[in-house]
Amino acid sequence: MSLVDGDKLNVRRTAPRVNSSDDVTNRMAHNTMSNTYRASGGSVTPRMVFKNSIIMWVDSNDKVSSVYGYIPEISSIPVQIIAKQGFDVFLDVLNGEVERPRV
């Protein structure tokens, strides 16, 4: 689907519409029943969580591998923290000084 203004008849473009039709109402990933691709039978379930003005990436071991957003205990501007693989941002990088939001 294109989000380009397609009103070619009016100079002010008062009746915009998509440039082409998109008849697919439910676009699935890789012939699965989901919008997000996950290999069948895989036990890895990483996820992205929005909580308390931050975005957290949580790995399959329930460790926060990356954080982006406002953490008032650290800074008044958004911060981005990425932990090494297998480490947790709140436990290993911030040494437990900032409480991890409940997810």
C-alpha atoms as a PDB file:
ATOM      1  CA  MET A   1       0.000   0.000   0.000  1.00  0.00           C
ATOM      2  CA  SER A   2       1.242   3.463  -0.835  1.00  0.00           C
ATOM      3  CA  LEU A   3       0.597   6.449   1.389  1.00  0.00           C
ATOM      4  CA  VAL A   4       1.353   8.887  -1.413  1.00  0.00           C
ATOM      5  CA  ASP A   5      -1.325  11.523  -2.082  1.00  0.00           C
ATOM      6  CA  GLY A   6      -3.207  10.310  -5.145  1.00  0.00           C
ATOM      7  CA  ASP A   7      -5.665  13.170  -5.753  1.00  0.00           C
ATOM      8  CA  LYS A   8      -4.496  14.145  -9.223  1.00  0.00           C
ATOM      9  CA  LEU A   9      -7.713  15.998 -10.146  1.00  0.00           C
ATOM     10  CA  ASN A  10      -7.662  18.762  -7.550  1.00  0.00           C
ATOM     11  CA  VAL A  11      -4.828  21.287  -7.150  1.00  0.00           C
ATOM     12  CA  ARG A  12      -5.385  21.489  -3.371  1.00  0.00           C
ATOM     13  CA  ARG A  13      -5.506  17.687  -3.038  1.00  0.00           C
ATOM     14  CA  THR A  14      -8.641  17.792  -0.909  1.00  0.00           C
ATOM     15  CA  ALA A  15      -9.566  14.156  -1.616  1.00  0.00           C
ATOM     16  CA  PRO A  16      -6.331  12.188  -1.135  1.00  0.00           C
ATOM     17  CA  ARG A  17      -6.326   8.421  -1.539  1.00  0.00           C
ATOM     18  CA  VAL A  18      -3.702   5.715  -1.780  1.00  0.00           C
ATOM     19  CA  ASN A  19      -1.936   5.431  -5.119  1.00  0.00           C
ATOM     20  CA  SER A  20      -2.680   1.734  -5.530  1.00  0.00           C
ATOM     21  CA  SER A  21      -5.025  -0.782  -4.004  1.00  0.00           C
ATOM     22  CA  ASP A  22      -3.894  -3.273  -1.393  1.00  0.00           C
ATOM     23  CA  ASP A  23      -6.436  -6.057  -1.043  1.00  0.00           C
ATOM     24  CA  VAL A  24      -4.447  -8.047   1.521  1.00  0.00           C
ATOM     25  CA  THR A  25      -6.319  -7.446   4.772  1.00  0.00           C
ATOM     26  CA  ASN A  26      -4.204  -9.656   7.025  1.00  0.00           C
ATOM     27  CA  ARG A  27      -0.566  -9.859   5.947  1.00  0.00           C
ATOM     28  CA  MET A  28       1.107 -12.844   7.625  1.00  0.00           C
ATOM     29  CA  ALA A  29       4.838 -13.377   8.002  1.00  0.00           C
ATOM     30  CA  HIS A  30       6.476 -16.242   6.097  1.00  0.00           C
ATOM     31  CA  ASN A  31       3.235 -18.227   5.668  1.00  0.00           C
ATOM     32  CA  THR A  32       2.644 -18.368   9.425  1.00  0.00           C
ATOM     33  CA  MET A  33      -0.422 -17.412  11.438  1.00  0.00           C
ATOM     34  CA  SER A  34       1.397 -14.466  12.995  1.00  0.00           C
ATOM     35  CA  ASN A  35       2.441 -10.955  12.030  1.00  0.00           C
ATOM     36  CA  THR A  36       5.869 -11.580  13.556  1.00  0.00           C
ATOM     37  CA  TYR A  37       8.147 -14.271  12.172  1.00  0.00           C
ATOM     38  CA  ARG A  38       9.202 -16.984  14.592  1.00  0.00           C
ATOM     39  CA  ALA A  39      10.572 -20.322  13.500  1.00  0.00           C
ATOM     40  CA  SER A  40       8.225 -23.169  14.334  1.00  0.00           C
ATOM     41  CA  GLY A  41       9.229 -25.174  17.376  1.00  0.00           C
ATOM     42  CA  GLY A  42      11.648 -22.489  18.526  1.00  0.00           C
ATOM     43  CA  SER A  43      11.893 -21.920  22.262  1.00  0.00           C
ATOM     44  CA  VAL A  44      13.411 -18.462  21.914  1.00  0.00           C
ATOM     45  CA  THR A  45      10.789 -15.860  22.687  1.00  0.00           C
ATOM     46  CA  PRO A  46      12.473 -12.456  22.750  1.00  0.00           C
ATOM     47  CA  ARG A  47      10.114  -9.525  23.009  1.00  0.00           C
ATOM     48  CA  MET A  48       9.993  -5.755  23.049  1.00  0.00           C
ATOM     49  CA  VAL A  49       8.152  -4.103  25.959  1.00  0.00           C
ATOM     50  CA  PHE A  50       6.957  -0.501  26.337  1.00  0.00           C
ATOM     51  CA  LYS A  51       6.820   0.396  30.029  1.00  0.00           C
ATOM     52  CA  ASN A  52       7.255   3.601  32.109  1.00  0.00           C
ATOM     53  CA  SER A  53       8.449   5.763  29.178  1.00  0.00           C
ATOM     54  CA  ILE A  54      11.084   3.252  28.095  1.00  0.00           C
ATOM     55  CA  ILE A  55      11.396   0.548  25.470  1.00  0.00           C
ATOM     56  CA  MET A  56      12.994  -2.658  26.744  1.00  0.00           C
ATOM     57  CA  TRP A  57      14.204  -5.618  24.729  1.00  0.00           C
ATOM     58  CA  VAL A  58      13.872  -8.792  26.799  1.00  0.00           C
ATOM     59  CA  ASP A  59      15.611 -11.988  25.690  1.00  0.00           C
ATOM     60  CA  SER A  60      14.373 -15.558  26.036  1.00  0.00           C
ATOM     61  CA  ASN A  61      16.000 -15.854  29.487  1.00  0.00           C
ATOM     62  CA  ASP A  62      13.953 -12.873  30.732  1.00  0.00           C
ATOM     63  CA  LYS A  63      17.028 -10.625  30.835  1.00  0.00           C
ATOM     64  CA  VAL A  64      16.719  -7.043  29.615  1.00  0.00           C
ATOM     65  CA  SER A  65      19.298  -6.864  26.842  1.00  0.00           C
ATOM     66  CA  SER A  66      18.667  -3.258  25.805  1.00  0.00           C
ATOM     67  CA  VAL A  67      16.829  -0.162  27.064  1.00  0.00           C
ATOM     68  CA  TYR A  68      15.947   3.117  25.392  1.00  0.00           C
ATOM     69  CA  GLY A  69      14.021   5.959  26.998  1.00  0.00           C
ATOM     70  CA  TYR A  70      13.695   8.122  30.092  1.00  0.00           C
ATOM     71  CA  ILE A  71      15.167   6.699  33.288  1.00  0.00           C
ATOM     72  CA  PRO A  72      14.990   9.576  35.816  1.00  0.00           C
ATOM     73  CA  GLU A  73      17.519   7.959  38.183  1.00  0.00           C
ATOM     74  CA  ILE A  74      20.154   8.193  35.436  1.00  0.00           C
ATOM     75  CA  SER A  75      19.432  11.268  33.310  1.00  0.00           C
ATOM     76  CA  SER A  76      16.809  13.846  32.385  1.00  0.00           C
ATOM     77  CA  ILE A  77      17.261  13.059  28.691  1.00  0.00           C
ATOM     78  CA  PRO A  78      16.605   9.712  26.966  1.00  0.00           C
ATOM     79  CA  VAL A  79      19.336   7.119  27.385  1.00  0.00           C
ATOM     80  CA  GLN A  80      20.192   3.995  25.426  1.00  0.00           C
ATOM     81  CA  ILE A  81      21.879   1.108  27.193  1.00  0.00           C
ATOM     82  CA  ILE A  82      22.863  -2.108  25.469  1.00  0.00           C
ATOM     83  CA  ALA A  83      24.198  -5.007  27.524  1.00  0.00           C
ATOM     84  CA  LYS A  84      26.545  -7.671  26.235  1.00  0.00           C
ATOM     85  CA  GLN A  85      24.907 -10.931  25.242  1.00  0.00           C
ATOM     86  CA  GLY A  86      23.770 -12.884  28.297  1.00  0.00           C
ATOM     87  CA  PHE A  87      23.855  -9.865  30.625  1.00  0.00           C
ATOM     88  CA  ASP A  88      20.974  -7.837  32.058  1.00  0.00           C
ATOM     89  CA  VAL A  89      20.914  -4.039  31.806  1.00  0.00           C
ATOM     90  CA  PHE A  90      19.363  -3.506  35.236  1.00  0.00           C
ATOM     91  CA  LEU A  91      21.330  -6.187  37.142  1.00  0.00           C
ATOM     92  CA  ASP A  92      24.735  -6.210  35.452  1.00  0.00           C
ATOM     93  CA  VAL A  93      25.158  -2.779  33.866  1.00  0.00           C
ATOM     94  CA  LEU A  94      23.309  -0.613  36.401  1.00  0.00           C
ATOM     95  CA  ASN A  95      24.258  -2.954  39.308  1.00  0.00           C
ATOM     96  CA  GLY A  96      20.686  -3.075  40.625  1.00  0.00           C
ATOM     97  CA  GLU A  97      20.699   0.657  41.457  1.00  0.00           C
ATOM     98  CA  VAL A  98      17.664   1.214  39.221  1.00  0.00           C
ATOM     99  CA  GLU A  99      14.639  -0.989  39.732  1.00  0.00           C
ATOM    100  CA  ARG A 100      13.546  -2.929  36.673  1.00  0.00           C
ATOM    101  CA  PRO A 101       9.948  -2.155  35.618  1.00  0.00           C
ATOM    102  CA  ARG A 102       7.552  -5.074  36.044  1.00  0.00           C
ATOM    103  CA  VAL A 103       6.632  -6.732  32.749  1.00  0.00           C
END
